[in-house]
């Protein structure tokens, strides 16, 4: 990239004066009669002793947010490669801008002067032959630190722009507020017949749980029920497991019958089989070889 760029590209400078009615071609007529207004009062002729103090004209040079912003502007404006910055051209344009703000606002120019010194140092180091390192590695580019800072600044600037583009409460939209007037007298919900029927059934169910139970003792023999099961299996190849229980005689008889089945199986007098998992369970007399 050639470094023969002479004219620096800087943003246009804004200018403001207290009397904006003056123009090169003569005064602007206001209200078809007055040439200007001073504190709301019409002015029909220009004063001959008009004095403009030196600080009446102000230059607005705060177009950039800092030295890095100015450098990034100069590089992107001319499509320079940020990894291979032409230091001579960029430094010349940067110093031209700093010279303009130094004449008007020295306090603002202080930050820019520090970056200008850094640019001049980098340009000087690039003109000198690189120093060889002790380990024989390639010398570091003097622009490496500046490139790193510029890339990080550009990333933060783009991220800030994306965040600023997000909808903001109070700027892009307002929170909706709805006022609901409530009646002073409370209104109770209506009760239908189904809910009353369900409530009455629940009361009856709880009443049955509180009834008195009379418990009587019944003599049951496991041996007797073992004989009953053996007689039920006589002459049959097999029987369903549930068919051996008499469900009409209450849970006590069912428990004793189940214990009798277990005792018969333990004594190898009957066999309990099942074809596969979750299939019906069958009971048959044990095979006794003769």
C-alpha atoms as a PDB file:
ATOM      1  CA  UNK A   1       0.000   0.000   0.000  1.00  0.00           C
ATOM      2  CA  UNK A   2       1.435   3.397  -0.987  1.00  0.00           C
ATOM      3  CA  UNK A   3       1.920   6.096   1.687  1.00  0.00           C
ATOM      4  CA  UNK A   4       1.493   9.107  -0.698  1.00  0.00           C
ATOM      5  CA  UNK A   5      -1.888  10.255   0.652  1.00  0.00           C
ATOM      6  CA  UNK A   6      -1.569  13.979   1.404  1.00  0.00           C
ATOM      7  CA  UNK A   7      -5.008  15.344   2.261  1.00  0.00           C
ATOM      8  CA  UNK A   8      -6.346  14.015   5.587  1.00  0.00           C
ATOM      9  CA  UNK A   9      -9.931  12.852   5.626  1.00  0.00           C
ATOM     10  CA  UNK A  10     -11.557  14.323   8.710  1.00  0.00           C
ATOM     11  CA  UNK A  11     -15.219  15.011   9.419  1.00  0.00           C
ATOM     12  CA  UNK A  12     -16.684  18.415   8.607  1.00  0.00           C
ATOM     13  CA  UNK A  13     -16.520  20.899  11.444  1.00  0.00           C
ATOM     14  CA  UNK A  14     -19.775  22.345  12.688  1.00  0.00           C
ATOM     15  CA  UNK A  15     -19.946  26.103  13.400  1.00  0.00           C
ATOM     16  CA  UNK A  16     -22.434  28.117  15.430  1.00  0.00           C
ATOM     17  CA  UNK A  17     -22.767  31.908  15.815  1.00  0.00           C
ATOM     18  CA  UNK A  18     -25.097  33.909  18.031  1.00  0.00           C
ATOM     19  CA  UNK A  19     -26.541  35.874  15.091  1.00  0.00           C
ATOM     20  CA  UNK A  20     -27.596  33.453  12.371  1.00  0.00           C
ATOM     21  CA  UNK A  21     -29.547  36.063  10.394  1.00  0.00           C
ATOM     22  CA  UNK A  22     -26.376  37.266   8.666  1.00  0.00           C
ATOM     23  CA  UNK A  23     -25.775  35.749   5.199  1.00  0.00           C
ATOM     24  CA  UNK A  24     -23.351  36.624   2.414  1.00  0.00           C
ATOM     25  CA  UNK A  25     -26.204  37.939   0.219  1.00  0.00           C
ATOM     26  CA  UNK A  26     -27.796  40.160   2.842  1.00  0.00           C
ATOM     27  CA  UNK A  27     -30.091  39.843   5.853  1.00  0.00           C
ATOM     28  CA  UNK A  28     -33.067  37.499   5.872  1.00  0.00           C
ATOM     29  CA  UNK A  29     -36.367  39.331   6.209  1.00  0.00           C
ATOM     30  CA  UNK A  30     -38.511  37.959   9.060  1.00  0.00           C
ATOM     31  CA  UNK A  31     -42.314  38.450   9.087  1.00  0.00           C
ATOM     32  CA  UNK A  32     -41.936  40.433   5.774  1.00  0.00           C
ATOM     33  CA  UNK A  33     -40.961  43.516   7.829  1.00  0.00           C
ATOM     34  CA  UNK A  34     -38.277  42.817  10.465  1.00  0.00           C
ATOM     35  CA  UNK A  35     -34.844  41.563   9.459  1.00  0.00           C
ATOM     36  CA  UNK A  36     -34.364  39.635  12.711  1.00  0.00           C
ATOM     37  CA  UNK A  37     -35.714  39.054  16.203  1.00  0.00           C
ATOM     38  CA  UNK A  38     -33.753  39.857  19.348  1.00  0.00           C
ATOM     39  CA  UNK A  39     -35.147  38.250  22.567  1.00  0.00           C
ATOM     40  CA  UNK A  40     -38.498  37.912  20.823  1.00  0.00           C
ATOM     41  CA  UNK A  41     -38.641  41.566  19.712  1.00  0.00           C
ATOM     42  CA  UNK A  42     -38.532  42.433  15.984  1.00  0.00           C
ATOM     43  CA  UNK A  43     -35.387  44.156  14.667  1.00  0.00           C
ATOM     44  CA  UNK A  44     -36.076  46.353  11.620  1.00  0.00           C
ATOM     45  CA  UNK A  45     -32.464  47.354  10.852  1.00  0.00           C
ATOM     46  CA  UNK A  46     -29.055  45.848  11.510  1.00  0.00           C
ATOM     47  CA  UNK A  47     -27.054  47.608  14.285  1.00  0.00           C
ATOM     48  CA  UNK A  48     -23.930  49.425  13.148  1.00  0.00           C
ATOM     49  CA  UNK A  49     -21.974  48.736  16.344  1.00  0.00           C
ATOM     50  CA  UNK A  50     -22.464  44.953  16.331  1.00  0.00           C
ATOM     51  CA  UNK A  51     -19.665  43.252  18.278  1.00  0.00           C
ATOM     52  CA  UNK A  52     -19.027  39.511  18.156  1.00  0.00           C
ATOM     53  CA  UNK A  53     -16.717  38.272  20.938  1.00  0.00           C
ATOM     54  CA  UNK A  54     -13.889  35.915  19.940  1.00  0.00           C
ATOM     55  CA  UNK A  55     -15.427  32.935  21.746  1.00  0.00           C
ATOM     56  CA  UNK A  56     -18.823  33.369  20.057  1.00  0.00           C
ATOM     57  CA  UNK A  57     -17.868  30.933  17.305  1.00  0.00           C
ATOM     58  CA  UNK A  58     -17.444  27.424  18.652  1.00  0.00           C
ATOM     59  CA  UNK A  59     -15.972  24.489  16.763  1.00  0.00           C
ATOM     60  CA  UNK A  60     -17.512  21.149  17.463  1.00  0.00           C
ATOM     61  CA  UNK A  61     -14.742  18.578  17.041  1.00  0.00           C
ATOM     62  CA  UNK A  62     -16.107  15.884  19.360  1.00  0.00           C
ATOM     63  CA  UNK A  63     -17.061  13.768  16.329  1.00  0.00           C
ATOM     64  CA  UNK A  64     -15.124  10.798  17.687  1.00  0.00           C
ATOM     65  CA  UNK A  65     -15.276   9.067  21.024  1.00  0.00           C
ATOM     66  CA  UNK A  66     -11.508   8.864  21.409  1.00  0.00           C
ATOM     67  CA  UNK A  67      -8.207   8.249  19.638  1.00  0.00           C
ATOM     68  CA  UNK A  68      -9.041   4.634  18.813  1.00  0.00           C
ATOM     69  CA  UNK A  69     -12.330   5.718  17.261  1.00  0.00           C
ATOM     70  CA  UNK A  70     -10.500   8.225  15.039  1.00  0.00           C
ATOM     71  CA  UNK A  71      -7.889   5.662  13.980  1.00  0.00           C
ATOM     72  CA  UNK A  72     -10.578   3.098  13.191  1.00  0.00           C
ATOM     73  CA  UNK A  73     -12.438   5.707  11.126  1.00  0.00           C
ATOM     74  CA  UNK A  74      -9.338   6.549   9.070  1.00  0.00           C
ATOM     75  CA  UNK A  75      -8.579   2.868   8.440  1.00  0.00           C
ATOM     76  CA  UNK A  76     -12.121   1.796   7.502  1.00  0.00           C
ATOM     77  CA  UNK A  77     -12.793   4.931   5.445  1.00  0.00           C
ATOM     78  CA  UNK A  78      -9.895   4.153   3.087  1.00  0.00           C
ATOM     79  CA  UNK A  79     -10.349   0.355   3.164  1.00  0.00           C
ATOM     80  CA  UNK A  80      -6.964  -0.263   4.709  1.00  0.00           C
ATOM     81  CA  UNK A  81      -6.164  -3.747   5.974  1.00  0.00           C
ATOM     82  CA  UNK A  82      -6.257  -3.494   9.759  1.00  0.00           C
ATOM     83  CA  UNK A  83      -3.593  -6.219   9.982  1.00  0.00           C
ATOM     84  CA  UNK A  84      -1.247  -4.256   7.670  1.00  0.00           C
ATOM     85  CA  UNK A  85      -1.740  -0.577   8.504  1.00  0.00           C
ATOM     86  CA  UNK A  86       0.198   1.943   6.354  1.00  0.00           C
ATOM     87  CA  UNK A  87       1.605   3.889   9.290  1.00  0.00           C
ATOM     88  CA  UNK A  88       2.918   6.859   7.271  1.00  0.00           C
ATOM     89  CA  UNK A  89      -0.444   7.693   5.702  1.00  0.00           C
ATOM     90  CA  UNK A  90      -2.506   7.058   8.831  1.00  0.00           C
ATOM     91  CA  UNK A  91      -0.115   9.006  11.069  1.00  0.00           C
ATOM     92  CA  UNK A  92      -0.133  11.999   8.678  1.00  0.00           C
ATOM     93  CA  UNK A  93      -3.933  12.170   8.614  1.00  0.00           C
ATOM     94  CA  UNK A  94      -4.181  11.608  12.360  1.00  0.00           C
ATOM     95  CA  UNK A  95      -1.745  14.463  13.105  1.00  0.00           C
ATOM     96  CA  UNK A  96      -3.685  16.788  10.786  1.00  0.00           C
ATOM     97  CA  UNK A  97      -6.831  16.197  12.815  1.00  0.00           C
ATOM     98  CA  UNK A  98      -5.009  16.590  16.142  1.00  0.00           C
ATOM     99  CA  UNK A  99      -3.534  19.887  14.939  1.00  0.00           C
ATOM    100  CA  UNK A 100      -7.026  21.259  14.333  1.00  0.00           C
ATOM    101  CA  UNK A 101      -8.348  20.398  17.775  1.00  0.00           C
ATOM    102  CA  UNK A 102      -5.112  21.508  19.492  1.00  0.00           C
ATOM    103  CA  UNK A 103      -5.704  25.083  18.333  1.00  0.00           C
ATOM    104  CA  UNK A 104      -9.155  25.268  19.913  1.00  0.00           C
ATOM    105  CA  UNK A 105      -9.347  22.750  22.766  1.00  0.00           C
ATOM    106  CA  UNK A 106      -6.054  21.696  24.291  1.00  0.00           C
ATOM    107  CA  UNK A 107      -7.742  19.660  27.023  1.00  0.00           C
ATOM    108  CA  UNK A 108      -9.569  17.545  24.446  1.00  0.00           C
ATOM    109  CA  UNK A 109      -6.383  17.163  22.390  1.00  0.00           C
ATOM    110  CA  UNK A 110      -4.374  15.671  25.291  1.00  0.00           C
ATOM    111  CA  UNK A 111      -5.738  12.142  24.792  1.00  0.00           C
ATOM    112  CA  UNK A 112      -5.186  12.392  21.052  1.00  0.00           C
ATOM    113  CA  UNK A 113      -1.618  13.630  21.526  1.00  0.00           C
ATOM    114  CA  UNK A 114      -0.759  10.529  23.548  1.00  0.00           C
ATOM    115  CA  UNK A 115      -1.928   8.294  20.697  1.00  0.00           C
ATOM    116  CA  UNK A 116      -0.057  10.497  18.215  1.00  0.00           C
ATOM    117  CA  UNK A 117       3.164   9.867  20.134  1.00  0.00           C
ATOM    118  CA  UNK A 118       2.489   6.140  20.001  1.00  0.00           C
ATOM    119  CA  UNK A 119       1.936   6.284  16.208  1.00  0.00           C
ATOM    120  CA  UNK A 120       5.173   8.188  15.682  1.00  0.00           C
ATOM    121  CA  UNK A 121       7.051   5.660  17.818  1.00  0.00           C
ATOM    122  CA  UNK A 122       5.631   2.750  15.813  1.00  0.00           C
ATOM    123  CA  UNK A 123       6.520   4.480  12.541  1.00  0.00           C
ATOM    124  CA  UNK A 124      10.080   5.078  13.785  1.00  0.00           C
ATOM    125  CA  UNK A 125      10.515   1.444  14.874  1.00  0.00           C
ATOM    126  CA  UNK A 126       9.347   0.284  11.438  1.00  0.00           C
ATOM    127  CA  UNK A 127      12.029   2.404   9.749  1.00  0.00           C
ATOM    128  CA  UNK A 128      14.805   0.804  11.838  1.00  0.00           C
ATOM    129  CA  UNK A 129      16.060  -2.702  11.061  1.00  0.00           C
ATOM    130  CA  UNK A 130      14.410  -5.292  13.339  1.00  0.00           C
ATOM    131  CA  UNK A 131      16.435  -6.660  16.224  1.00  0.00           C
ATOM    132  CA  UNK A 132      17.014 -10.388  16.184  1.00  0.00           C
ATOM    133  CA  UNK A 133      15.933 -12.258  19.281  1.00  0.00           C
ATOM    134  CA  UNK A 134      18.243 -14.553  21.226  1.00  0.00           C
ATOM    135  CA  UNK A 135      16.232 -17.677  20.371  1.00  0.00           C
ATOM    136  CA  UNK A 136      16.199 -16.882  16.658  1.00  0.00           C
ATOM    137  CA  UNK A 137      12.436 -16.263  16.468  1.00  0.00           C
ATOM    138  CA  UNK A 138      10.878 -13.692  14.166  1.00  0.00           C
ATOM    139  CA  UNK A 139      10.769 -10.184  15.700  1.00  0.00           C
ATOM    140  CA  UNK A 140       7.341  -8.933  16.697  1.00  0.00           C
ATOM    141  CA  UNK A 141       5.627  -6.430  14.420  1.00  0.00           C
ATOM    142  CA  UNK A 142       5.643  -2.968  16.081  1.00  0.00           C
ATOM    143  CA  UNK A 143       2.018  -2.590  15.014  1.00  0.00           C
ATOM    144  CA  UNK A 144       0.842  -5.758  16.804  1.00  0.00           C
ATOM    145  CA  UNK A 145      -0.249  -4.063  20.040  1.00  0.00           C
ATOM    146  CA  UNK A 146      -2.061  -1.270  18.168  1.00  0.00           C
ATOM    147  CA  UNK A 147      -3.849  -3.802  15.926  1.00  0.00           C
ATOM    148  CA  UNK A 148      -4.965  -5.800  18.967  1.00  0.00           C
ATOM    149  CA  UNK A 149      -6.402  -2.677  20.639  1.00  0.00           C
ATOM    150  CA  UNK A 150      -8.173  -1.602  17.445  1.00  0.00           C
ATOM    151  CA  UNK A 151      -9.784  -5.027  16.934  1.00  0.00           C
ATOM    152  CA  UNK A 152     -10.967  -5.183  20.550  1.00  0.00           C
ATOM    153  CA  UNK A 153     -12.348  -1.637  20.330  1.00  0.00           C
ATOM    154  CA  UNK A 154     -14.222  -2.420  17.104  1.00  0.00           C
ATOM    155  CA  UNK A 155     -15.746  -5.553  18.629  1.00  0.00           C
ATOM    156  CA  UNK A 156     -16.914  -3.613  21.697  1.00  0.00           C
ATOM    157  CA  UNK A 157     -18.284  -0.822  19.491  1.00  0.00           C
ATOM    158  CA  UNK A 158     -20.296  -3.263  17.352  1.00  0.00           C
ATOM    159  CA  UNK A 159     -21.587  -5.048  20.455  1.00  0.00           C
ATOM    160  CA  UNK A 160     -22.667  -1.721  21.958  1.00  0.00           C
ATOM    161  CA  UNK A 161     -24.465  -0.845  18.723  1.00  0.00           C
ATOM    162  CA  UNK A 162     -26.342  -4.162  18.744  1.00  0.00           C
ATOM    163  CA  UNK A 163     -27.346  -3.671  22.375  1.00  0.00           C
ATOM    164  CA  UNK A 164     -28.499  -0.107  21.654  1.00  0.00           C
ATOM    165  CA  UNK A 165     -30.634  -1.403  18.767  1.00  0.00           C
ATOM    166  CA  UNK A 166     -32.609  -3.659  21.122  1.00  0.00           C
ATOM    167  CA  UNK A 167     -36.046  -2.356  22.158  1.00  0.00           C
ATOM    168  CA  UNK A 168     -35.743  -0.263  25.298  1.00  0.00           C
ATOM    169  CA  UNK A 169     -38.501   0.378  27.799  1.00  0.00           C
ATOM    170  CA  UNK A 170     -39.372   4.063  27.803  1.00  0.00           C
ATOM    171  CA  UNK A 171     -37.647   4.723  24.478  1.00  0.00           C
ATOM    172  CA  UNK A 172     -39.127   2.244  22.005  1.00  0.00           C
ATOM    173  CA  UNK A 173     -42.164   0.966  23.894  1.00  0.00           C
ATOM    174  CA  UNK A 174     -44.135   1.671  27.026  1.00  0.00           C
ATOM    175  CA  UNK A 175     -45.478  -0.742  29.599  1.00  0.00           C
ATOM    176  CA  UNK A 176     -49.247  -1.135  29.319  1.00  0.00           C
ATOM    177  CA  UNK A 177     -51.215  -0.392  32.460  1.00  0.00           C
ATOM    178  CA  UNK A 178     -54.828  -1.460  32.921  1.00  0.00           C
ATOM    179  CA  UNK A 179     -56.964  -0.408  35.874  1.00  0.00           C
ATOM    180  CA  UNK A 180     -59.680  -2.916  36.806  1.00  0.00           C
ATOM    181  CA  UNK A 181     -62.449  -1.635  39.040  1.00  0.00           C
ATOM    182  CA  UNK A 182     -63.588  -4.283  41.492  1.00  0.00           C
ATOM    183  CA  UNK A 183     -67.038  -4.342  43.021  1.00  0.00           C
ATOM    184  CA  UNK A 184     -67.295  -3.501  46.712  1.00  0.00           C
ATOM    185  CA  UNK A 185     -69.711  -6.366  47.482  1.00  0.00           C
ATOM    186  CA  UNK A 186     -67.988  -9.771  47.032  1.00  0.00           C
ATOM    187  CA  UNK A 187     -69.686 -12.176  44.663  1.00  0.00           C
ATOM    188  CA  UNK A 188     -69.595 -15.814  45.656  1.00  0.00           C
ATOM    189  CA  UNK A 189     -69.455 -18.539  42.995  1.00  0.00           C
ATOM    190  CA  UNK A 190     -72.606 -20.484  42.160  1.00  0.00           C
ATOM    191  CA  UNK A 191     -72.922 -24.130  43.309  1.00  0.00           C
ATOM    192  CA  UNK A 192     -74.597 -26.634  40.996  1.00  0.00           C
ATOM    193  CA  UNK A 193     -76.385 -29.903  41.807  1.00  0.00           C
ATOM    194  CA  UNK A 194     -73.416 -32.135  40.866  1.00  0.00           C
ATOM    195  CA  UNK A 195     -71.160 -30.461  43.424  1.00  0.00           C
ATOM    196  CA  UNK A 196     -73.799 -30.874  46.135  1.00  0.00           C
ATOM    197  CA  UNK A 197     -74.221 -34.570  45.215  1.00  0.00           C
ATOM    198  CA  UNK A 198     -70.442 -35.130  45.387  1.00  0.00           C
ATOM    199  CA  UNK A 199     -70.244 -33.401  48.781  1.00  0.00           C
ATOM    200  CA  UNK A 200     -73.083 -35.562  50.159  1.00  0.00           C
ATOM    201  CA  UNK A 201     -71.402 -38.763  48.887  1.00  0.00           C
ATOM    202  CA  UNK A 202     -68.166 -37.752  50.604  1.00  0.00           C
ATOM    203  CA  UNK A 203     -70.038 -37.286  53.910  1.00  0.00           C
ATOM    204  CA  UNK A 204     -71.590 -40.754  53.634  1.00  0.00           C
ATOM    205  CA  UNK A 205     -68.207 -42.290  52.886  1.00  0.00           C
ATOM    206  CA  UNK A 206     -66.626 -40.708  55.963  1.00  0.00           C
ATOM    207  CA  UNK A 207     -69.612 -41.854  58.106  1.00  0.00           C
ATOM    208  CA  UNK A 208     -69.026 -45.486  57.113  1.00  0.00           C
ATOM    209  CA  UNK A 209     -65.386 -45.237  58.184  1.00  0.00           C
ATOM    210  CA  UNK A 210     -66.419 -44.361  61.737  1.00  0.00           C
ATOM    211  CA  UNK A 211     -68.773 -47.359  62.247  1.00  0.00           C
ATOM    212  CA  UNK A 212     -68.035 -49.880  64.998  1.00  0.00           C
ATOM    213  CA  UNK A 213     -66.686 -53.280  63.936  1.00  0.00           C
ATOM    214  CA  UNK A 214     -67.369 -56.470  65.880  1.00  0.00           C
ATOM    215  CA  UNK A 215     -64.484 -58.933  65.626  1.00  0.00           C
ATOM    216  CA  UNK A 216     -65.099 -62.645  66.319  1.00  0.00           C
ATOM    217  CA  UNK A 217     -62.549 -65.448  66.528  1.00  0.00           C
ATOM    218  CA  UNK A 218     -62.849 -68.371  64.119  1.00  0.00           C
ATOM    219  CA  UNK A 219     -60.896 -71.609  64.422  1.00  0.00           C
ATOM    220  CA  UNK A 220     -59.232 -72.402  61.080  1.00  0.00           C
ATOM    221  CA  UNK A 221     -56.903 -75.333  60.458  1.00  0.00           C
ATOM    222  CA  UNK A 222     -54.138 -75.243  57.848  1.00  0.00           C
ATOM    223  CA  UNK A 223     -54.060 -79.074  57.712  1.00  0.00           C
ATOM    224  CA  UNK A 224     -57.775 -79.189  57.010  1.00  0.00           C
ATOM    225  CA  UNK A 225     -57.439 -76.760  54.104  1.00  0.00           C
ATOM    226  CA  UNK A 226     -54.483 -78.755  52.776  1.00  0.00           C
ATOM    227  CA  UNK A 227     -56.801 -81.744  52.544  1.00  0.00           C
ATOM    228  CA  UNK A 228     -59.454 -79.581  50.842  1.00  0.00           C
ATOM    229  CA  UNK A 229     -56.965 -78.487  48.181  1.00  0.00           C
ATOM    230  CA  UNK A 230     -55.761 -82.063  47.565  1.00  0.00           C
ATOM    231  CA  UNK A 231     -59.356 -83.270  47.154  1.00  0.00           C
ATOM    232  CA  UNK A 232     -60.043 -80.424  44.709  1.00  0.00           C
ATOM    233  CA  UNK A 233     -57.104 -81.530  42.543  1.00  0.00           C
ATOM    234  CA  UNK A 234     -57.981 -85.253  42.560  1.00  0.00           C
ATOM    235  CA  UNK A 235     -58.833 -86.506  39.074  1.00  0.00           C
ATOM    236  CA  UNK A 236     -57.821 -83.224  37.378  1.00  0.00           C
ATOM    237  CA  UNK A 237     -54.749 -82.591  35.272  1.00  0.00           C
ATOM    238  CA  UNK A 238     -54.438 -79.028  36.578  1.00  0.00           C
ATOM    239  CA  UNK A 239     -56.499 -76.217  38.058  1.00  0.00           C
ATOM    240  CA  UNK A 240     -56.318 -72.432  37.846  1.00  0.00           C
ATOM    241  CA  UNK A 241     -54.633 -70.886  40.854  1.00  0.00           C
ATOM    242  CA  UNK A 242     -57.562 -68.561  41.603  1.00  0.00           C
ATOM    243  CA  UNK A 243     -60.127 -71.394  41.310  1.00  0.00           C
ATOM    244  CA  UNK A 244     -58.779 -72.985  44.509  1.00  0.00           C
ATOM    245  CA  UNK A 245     -59.951 -70.063  46.669  1.00  0.00           C
ATOM    246  CA  UNK A 246     -63.487 -69.674  47.995  1.00  0.00           C
ATOM    247  CA  UNK A 247     -63.996 -65.904  47.855  1.00  0.00           C
ATOM    248  CA  UNK A 248     -67.390 -66.133  49.550  1.00  0.00           C
ATOM    249  CA  UNK A 249     -66.014 -67.114  52.984  1.00  0.00           C
ATOM    250  CA  UNK A 250     -64.042 -63.968  53.802  1.00  0.00           C
ATOM    251  CA  UNK A 251     -60.375 -62.994  53.881  1.00  0.00           C
ATOM    252  CA  UNK A 252     -59.526 -65.283  56.847  1.00  0.00           C
ATOM    253  CA  UNK A 253     -60.301 -68.417  54.820  1.00  0.00           C
ATOM    254  CA  UNK A 254     -58.412 -67.047  51.823  1.00  0.00           C
ATOM    255  CA  UNK A 255     -55.289 -66.494  53.924  1.00  0.00           C
ATOM    256  CA  UNK A 256     -55.419 -70.003  55.406  1.00  0.00           C
ATOM    257  CA  UNK A 257     -55.978 -71.539  51.951  1.00  0.00           C
ATOM    258  CA  UNK A 258     -52.941 -69.676  50.589  1.00  0.00           C
ATOM    259  CA  UNK A 259     -50.801 -70.914  53.478  1.00  0.00           C
ATOM    260  CA  UNK A 260     -52.041 -74.450  52.792  1.00  0.00           C
ATOM    261  CA  UNK A 261     -50.957 -74.138  49.148  1.00  0.00           C
ATOM    262  CA  UNK A 262     -47.497 -72.999  50.233  1.00  0.00           C
ATOM    263  CA  UNK A 263     -47.176 -75.915  52.654  1.00  0.00           C
ATOM    264  CA  UNK A 264     -48.187 -78.419  49.963  1.00  0.00           C
ATOM    265  CA  UNK A 265     -45.652 -76.918  47.551  1.00  0.00           C
ATOM    266  CA  UNK A 266     -42.941 -77.049  50.220  1.00  0.00           C
ATOM    267  CA  UNK A 267     -43.700 -80.746  50.852  1.00  0.00           C
ATOM    268  CA  UNK A 268     -43.609 -81.397  47.051  1.00  0.00           C
ATOM    269  CA  UNK A 269     -47.221 -82.610  47.026  1.00  0.00           C
ATOM    270  CA  UNK A 270     -48.245 -80.220  44.260  1.00  0.00           C
ATOM    271  CA  UNK A 271     -46.568 -78.148  41.535  1.00  0.00           C
ATOM    272  CA  UNK A 272     -47.186 -74.515  40.632  1.00  0.00           C
ATOM    273  CA  UNK A 273     -46.364 -73.780  36.965  1.00  0.00           C
ATOM    274  CA  UNK A 274     -46.532 -70.877  34.535  1.00  0.00           C
ATOM    275  CA  UNK A 275     -45.908 -71.002  30.765  1.00  0.00           C
ATOM    276  CA  UNK A 276     -44.315 -67.531  30.512  1.00  0.00           C
ATOM    277  CA  UNK A 277     -44.091 -64.229  32.310  1.00  0.00           C
ATOM    278  CA  UNK A 278     -47.465 -62.712  33.193  1.00  0.00           C
ATOM    279  CA  UNK A 279     -49.232 -65.871  31.985  1.00  0.00           C
ATOM    280  CA  UNK A 280     -51.936 -67.640  34.073  1.00  0.00           C
ATOM    281  CA  UNK A 281     -50.703 -69.726  37.030  1.00  0.00           C
ATOM    282  CA  UNK A 282     -51.695 -73.406  37.163  1.00  0.00           C
ATOM    283  CA  UNK A 283     -51.621 -75.867  40.064  1.00  0.00           C
ATOM    284  CA  UNK A 284     -51.478 -79.669  39.752  1.00  0.00           C
ATOM    285  CA  UNK A 285     -50.660 -82.656  41.868  1.00  0.00           C
ATOM    286  CA  UNK A 286     -47.018 -83.609  41.941  1.00  0.00           C
ATOM    287  CA  UNK A 287     -46.066 -86.567  39.752  1.00  0.00           C
ATOM    288  CA  UNK A 288     -45.116 -89.615  41.860  1.00  0.00           C
ATOM    289  CA  UNK A 289     -43.323 -92.314  39.931  1.00  0.00           C
ATOM    290  CA  UNK A 290     -44.571 -95.878  40.631  1.00  0.00           C
END
